[in-house]
């Protein structure tokens, strides 16, 4: 198995079908073995039923479903630890970054560039001004940039965009990082990057195309909760919980 695609989903019965079709269309054109794991995070709508109906005849597509809702971080951890691929990539259910953008990652994993063969490659909306094809509302952009500044300052992460939902890890990195993950909701992105750094991994950040999608599951108050999780991660580091 070469590539595992992890798609966390919560109340995505309307947007997920189109994403699954696009993912399948892309993967059918590839010459490597793959699997797609949809993780239904205790959805209250028909995300699980809709997904199962779509993929029931598709090879190497499966869904993991549980109740109650635990948070995107828990869903990602569940999917990653179930993955069997040499590489596992996280992508959003709304397809804000299309799976085809993974082709921008391969030069940094298949072959060495600048003396590095990266085991962690993450997508970024902010390395290239042309990456954002459809912008978020101004208020969300301001909160996002301020949040990234604080994350980098507090945790010592150098990545310009820690929160982009398009990240890839080698199987070895998955096995070292995700068992230590403790944050279950929105703050998981910064936690797994902080753990990766403490494990000695070099992280390559690559510009990817990104589209803001209608129907965001990020609720009001998520920014404040994420700030609290940032402080919790810092305390976990001081307490040696990621060692």
Protein backbone atom coordinates (compact mmCIF):
# COMPACT_ATOMS: atom_id res chain seq x y z
CA UNK A 1 0.00 0.00 0.00
CA UNK A 2 1.50 3.32 -1.05
CA UNK A 3 -0.98 6.06 -0.12
CA UNK A 4 -3.69 6.30 2.53
CA UNK A 5 -6.14 9.21 2.23
CA UNK A 6 -7.79 10.25 5.51
CA UNK A 7 -10.99 12.31 5.33
CA UNK A 8 -12.52 13.35 8.68
CA UNK A 9 -16.20 14.26 8.37
CA UNK A 10 -18.85 15.76 10.62
CA UNK A 11 -22.31 16.52 9.22
CA UNK A 12 -20.99 16.40 5.65
CA UNK A 13 -23.77 14.52 3.84
CA UNK A 14 -24.12 17.36 1.31
CA UNK A 15 -20.46 18.10 0.51
CA UNK A 16 -18.75 14.75 1.00
CA UNK A 17 -20.26 12.88 -2.00
CA UNK A 18 -18.71 15.28 -4.50
CA UNK A 19 -15.38 15.09 -2.70
CA UNK A 20 -15.40 11.29 -2.72
CA UNK A 21 -16.10 11.20 -6.44
CA UNK A 22 -13.25 13.60 -7.14
CA UNK A 23 -10.88 11.61 -4.94
CA UNK A 24 -11.79 8.36 -6.69
CA UNK A 25 -11.46 9.90 -10.16
CA UNK A 26 -7.97 11.08 -9.30
CA UNK A 27 -6.78 7.87 -7.66
CA UNK A 28 -8.02 5.66 -10.52
CA UNK A 29 -5.50 7.41 -12.75
CA UNK A 30 -2.55 6.63 -10.49
CA UNK A 31 -0.25 3.62 -10.80
CA UNK A 32 0.12 2.98 -7.07
CA UNK A 33 -1.99 1.10 -4.51
CA UNK A 34 -4.15 3.26 -2.28
CA UNK A 35 -6.88 3.29 0.34
CA UNK A 36 -9.36 5.98 1.37
CA UNK A 37 -10.58 6.13 4.96
CA UNK A 38 -13.56 8.34 5.78
CA UNK A 39 -13.92 8.93 9.50
CA UNK A 40 -17.47 9.89 10.46
CA UNK A 41 -17.07 11.85 13.69
CA UNK A 42 -20.45 11.14 15.26
CA UNK A 43 -22.41 13.06 12.65
CA UNK A 44 -26.03 13.97 13.41
CA UNK A 45 -27.03 13.89 9.74
CA UNK A 46 -26.73 11.06 7.22
CA UNK A 47 -22.99 11.38 6.56
CA UNK A 48 -22.32 7.73 7.41
CA UNK A 49 -25.25 6.31 5.45
CA UNK A 50 -24.62 8.50 2.42
CA UNK A 51 -20.92 7.64 2.36
CA UNK A 52 -21.52 3.91 2.71
CA UNK A 53 -23.98 3.94 -0.17
CA UNK A 54 -21.52 5.77 -2.44
CA UNK A 55 -18.47 3.64 -1.70
CA UNK A 56 -20.08 0.21 -1.24
CA UNK A 57 -18.80 -0.99 -4.62
CA UNK A 58 -15.54 0.98 -4.63
CA UNK A 59 -12.35 -0.93 -4.00
CA UNK A 60 -10.21 0.23 -1.08
CA UNK A 61 -12.70 2.81 0.21
CA UNK A 62 -14.01 2.37 3.75
CA UNK A 63 -15.71 4.33 6.50
CA UNK A 64 -15.05 4.35 10.23
CA UNK A 65 -18.03 5.62 12.19
CA UNK A 66 -18.54 6.13 15.92
CA UNK A 67 -20.64 8.06 18.42
CA UNK A 68 -20.72 10.57 20.00
CA UNK A 69 -18.92 13.41 18.24
CA UNK A 70 -15.36 13.72 19.57
CA UNK A 71 -13.83 16.43 17.37
CA UNK A 72 -11.81 16.68 14.18
CA UNK A 73 -8.57 15.92 15.99
CA UNK A 74 -9.91 12.62 17.30
CA UNK A 75 -11.25 11.72 13.85
CA UNK A 76 -7.87 12.42 12.25
CA UNK A 77 -6.03 10.40 14.88
CA UNK A 78 -8.45 7.50 14.37
CA UNK A 79 -7.93 7.55 10.60
CA UNK A 80 -4.17 7.93 10.77
CA UNK A 81 -3.71 5.04 13.18
CA UNK A 82 -5.85 2.85 10.91
CA UNK A 83 -3.83 3.77 7.81
CA UNK A 84 -1.63 1.15 6.13
CA UNK A 85 -0.01 3.25 3.41
CA UNK A 86 3.64 4.16 3.11
CA UNK A 87 2.32 7.72 3.24
CA UNK A 88 -0.91 8.98 4.83
CA UNK A 89 -2.43 12.27 3.75
CA UNK A 90 -5.08 14.27 5.56
CA UNK A 91 -7.58 16.24 3.50
CA UNK A 92 -10.83 18.08 4.27
CA UNK A 93 -14.27 16.72 3.46
CA UNK A 94 -15.14 19.94 1.62
CA UNK A 95 -12.24 19.41 -0.82
CA UNK A 96 -10.88 22.89 -0.09
CA UNK A 97 -7.56 21.51 -1.37
CA UNK A 98 -7.98 18.89 -4.09
CA UNK A 99 -6.15 15.60 -3.68
CA UNK A 100 -4.30 16.23 -6.95
CA UNK A 101 -2.23 18.86 -5.07
CA UNK A 102 -0.36 15.94 -3.49
CA UNK A 103 1.71 15.88 -6.67
CA UNK A 104 3.46 19.00 -5.35
CA UNK A 105 4.59 16.93 -2.34
CA UNK A 106 6.25 14.01 -4.09
CA UNK A 107 9.49 15.77 -5.11
CA UNK A 108 10.28 16.18 -1.41
CA UNK A 109 9.60 12.55 -0.51
CA UNK A 110 10.51 10.41 -3.52
CA UNK A 111 13.80 12.17 -4.15
CA UNK A 112 16.10 14.21 -1.99
CA UNK A 113 16.04 17.98 -2.35
CA UNK A 114 18.61 20.15 -0.59
CA UNK A 115 19.92 17.11 1.26
CA UNK A 116 16.55 16.24 2.80
CA UNK A 117 14.08 13.45 2.25
CA UNK A 118 11.08 14.72 4.16
CA UNK A 119 8.76 12.41 6.08
CA UNK A 120 6.31 15.23 6.79
CA UNK A 121 5.07 17.59 4.07
CA UNK A 122 2.30 20.08 4.77
CA UNK A 123 0.24 22.32 2.52
CA UNK A 124 0.23 26.08 2.94
CA UNK A 125 -2.19 28.78 1.86
CA UNK A 126 0.21 31.59 2.67
CA UNK A 127 3.54 30.79 1.02
CA UNK A 128 2.21 31.95 -2.33
CA UNK A 129 -0.28 34.82 -2.68
CA UNK A 130 -1.95 33.07 -5.61
CA UNK A 131 -2.69 29.90 -3.59
CA UNK A 132 -6.00 31.15 -2.20
CA UNK A 133 -8.46 30.90 -5.06
CA UNK A 134 -11.58 31.74 -3.03
CA UNK A 135 -10.98 33.82 0.09
CA UNK A 136 -12.52 33.48 3.53
CA UNK A 137 -14.42 36.45 4.98
CA UNK A 138 -12.04 39.16 6.23
CA UNK A 139 -12.82 38.47 9.89
CA UNK A 140 -11.82 34.83 9.56
CA UNK A 141 -8.64 35.74 7.67
CA UNK A 142 -7.59 38.13 10.44
CA UNK A 143 -8.26 35.55 13.15
CA UNK A 144 -6.39 32.90 11.15
CA UNK A 145 -3.26 34.99 10.67
CA UNK A 146 -3.21 36.17 14.29
CA UNK A 147 -3.67 32.59 15.44
CA UNK A 148 -0.80 31.35 13.29
CA UNK A 149 1.46 34.05 14.71
CA UNK A 150 0.68 32.99 18.27
CA UNK A 151 1.11 29.30 17.47
CA UNK A 152 4.52 29.86 15.94
CA UNK A 153 5.63 32.11 18.79
CA UNK A 154 4.43 29.85 21.62
CA UNK A 155 5.36 26.45 20.20
CA UNK A 156 8.41 27.35 18.12
CA UNK A 157 6.87 26.05 14.91
CA UNK A 158 8.39 27.66 11.81
CA UNK A 159 5.59 26.77 9.38
CA UNK A 160 3.74 29.78 7.98
CA UNK A 161 0.39 27.95 7.89
CA UNK A 162 -0.09 25.39 10.67
CA UNK A 163 -3.83 25.00 10.20
CA UNK A 164 -4.19 24.08 6.52
CA UNK A 165 -6.09 20.79 6.36
CA UNK A 166 -3.76 19.14 3.85
CA UNK A 167 -0.87 17.31 5.52
CA UNK A 168 1.08 14.17 4.67
CA UNK A 169 3.11 11.88 6.92
CA UNK A 170 5.24 8.81 6.32
CA UNK A 171 4.08 5.63 8.03
CA UNK A 172 6.99 5.92 10.45
CA UNK A 173 6.05 9.48 11.36
CA UNK A 174 2.40 8.45 11.87
CA UNK A 175 3.43 5.71 14.28
CA UNK A 176 5.62 8.05 16.33
CA UNK A 177 3.40 11.15 16.38
CA UNK A 178 -0.26 10.23 16.49
CA UNK A 179 -0.23 7.87 19.51
CA UNK A 180 0.98 10.88 21.51
CA UNK A 181 -1.73 13.24 20.24
CA UNK A 182 -4.07 14.37 23.03
CA UNK A 183 -6.02 17.30 21.57
CA UNK A 184 -9.30 16.05 20.09
CA UNK A 185 -10.70 19.21 18.51
CA UNK A 186 -9.43 22.10 16.35
CA UNK A 187 -6.06 22.51 18.04
CA UNK A 188 -4.78 19.12 16.92
CA UNK A 189 -2.90 20.56 13.90
CA UNK A 190 -0.51 22.58 16.03
CA UNK A 191 -0.13 19.72 18.49
CA UNK A 192 0.94 17.13 15.92
CA UNK A 193 3.45 19.59 14.43
CA UNK A 194 4.82 20.34 17.90
CA UNK A 195 5.16 16.61 18.57
CA UNK A 196 6.84 16.12 15.19
CA UNK A 197 9.45 18.75 16.03
CA UNK A 198 10.12 17.14 19.39
CA UNK A 199 10.56 13.80 17.60
CA UNK A 200 13.25 15.40 15.43
CA UNK A 201 11.34 15.55 12.14
CA UNK A 202 12.00 18.25 9.56
CA UNK A 203 8.78 19.62 8.13
CA UNK A 204 8.54 20.77 4.53
CA UNK A 205 5.86 23.36 3.80
CA UNK A 206 4.60 23.55 0.21
CA UNK A 207 2.19 26.04 -1.37
CA UNK A 208 -1.09 24.41 -2.44
CA UNK A 209 -4.22 25.75 -4.11
CA UNK A 210 -7.01 26.34 -1.61
CA UNK A 211 -10.66 27.28 -1.99
CA UNK A 212 -12.89 28.51 0.82
CA UNK A 213 -15.99 26.30 0.79
CA UNK A 214 -19.45 27.27 1.93
CA UNK A 215 -20.92 25.46 4.93
CA UNK A 216 -17.87 25.54 7.21
CA UNK A 217 -18.17 23.38 10.33
CA UNK A 218 -15.97 25.82 12.28
CA UNK A 219 -18.32 27.40 14.79
CA UNK A 220 -18.14 30.73 16.57
CA UNK A 221 -15.97 30.36 19.63
CA UNK A 222 -13.63 27.86 17.97
CA UNK A 223 -10.80 30.42 17.92
CA UNK A 224 -11.00 30.92 21.70
CA UNK A 225 -11.14 27.17 22.30
CA UNK A 226 -8.11 26.72 20.07
CA UNK A 227 -6.19 29.33 22.09
CA UNK A 228 -6.99 27.35 25.23
CA UNK A 229 -5.71 24.22 23.50
CA UNK A 230 -2.52 26.08 22.55
CA UNK A 231 -1.91 26.77 26.21
CA UNK A 232 -2.68 23.12 27.04
CA UNK A 233 -0.12 21.93 24.48
CA UNK A 234 2.49 24.23 25.99
CA UNK A 235 1.75 22.83 29.45
CA UNK A 236 1.98 19.29 28.07
CA UNK A 237 5.42 20.09 26.67
CA UNK A 238 6.59 21.47 30.03
CA UNK A 239 5.23 18.37 31.76
CA UNK A 240 7.06 16.06 29.34
CA UNK A 241 3.87 14.39 28.14
CA UNK A 242 5.16 14.12 24.56
CA UNK A 243 8.47 12.50 25.49
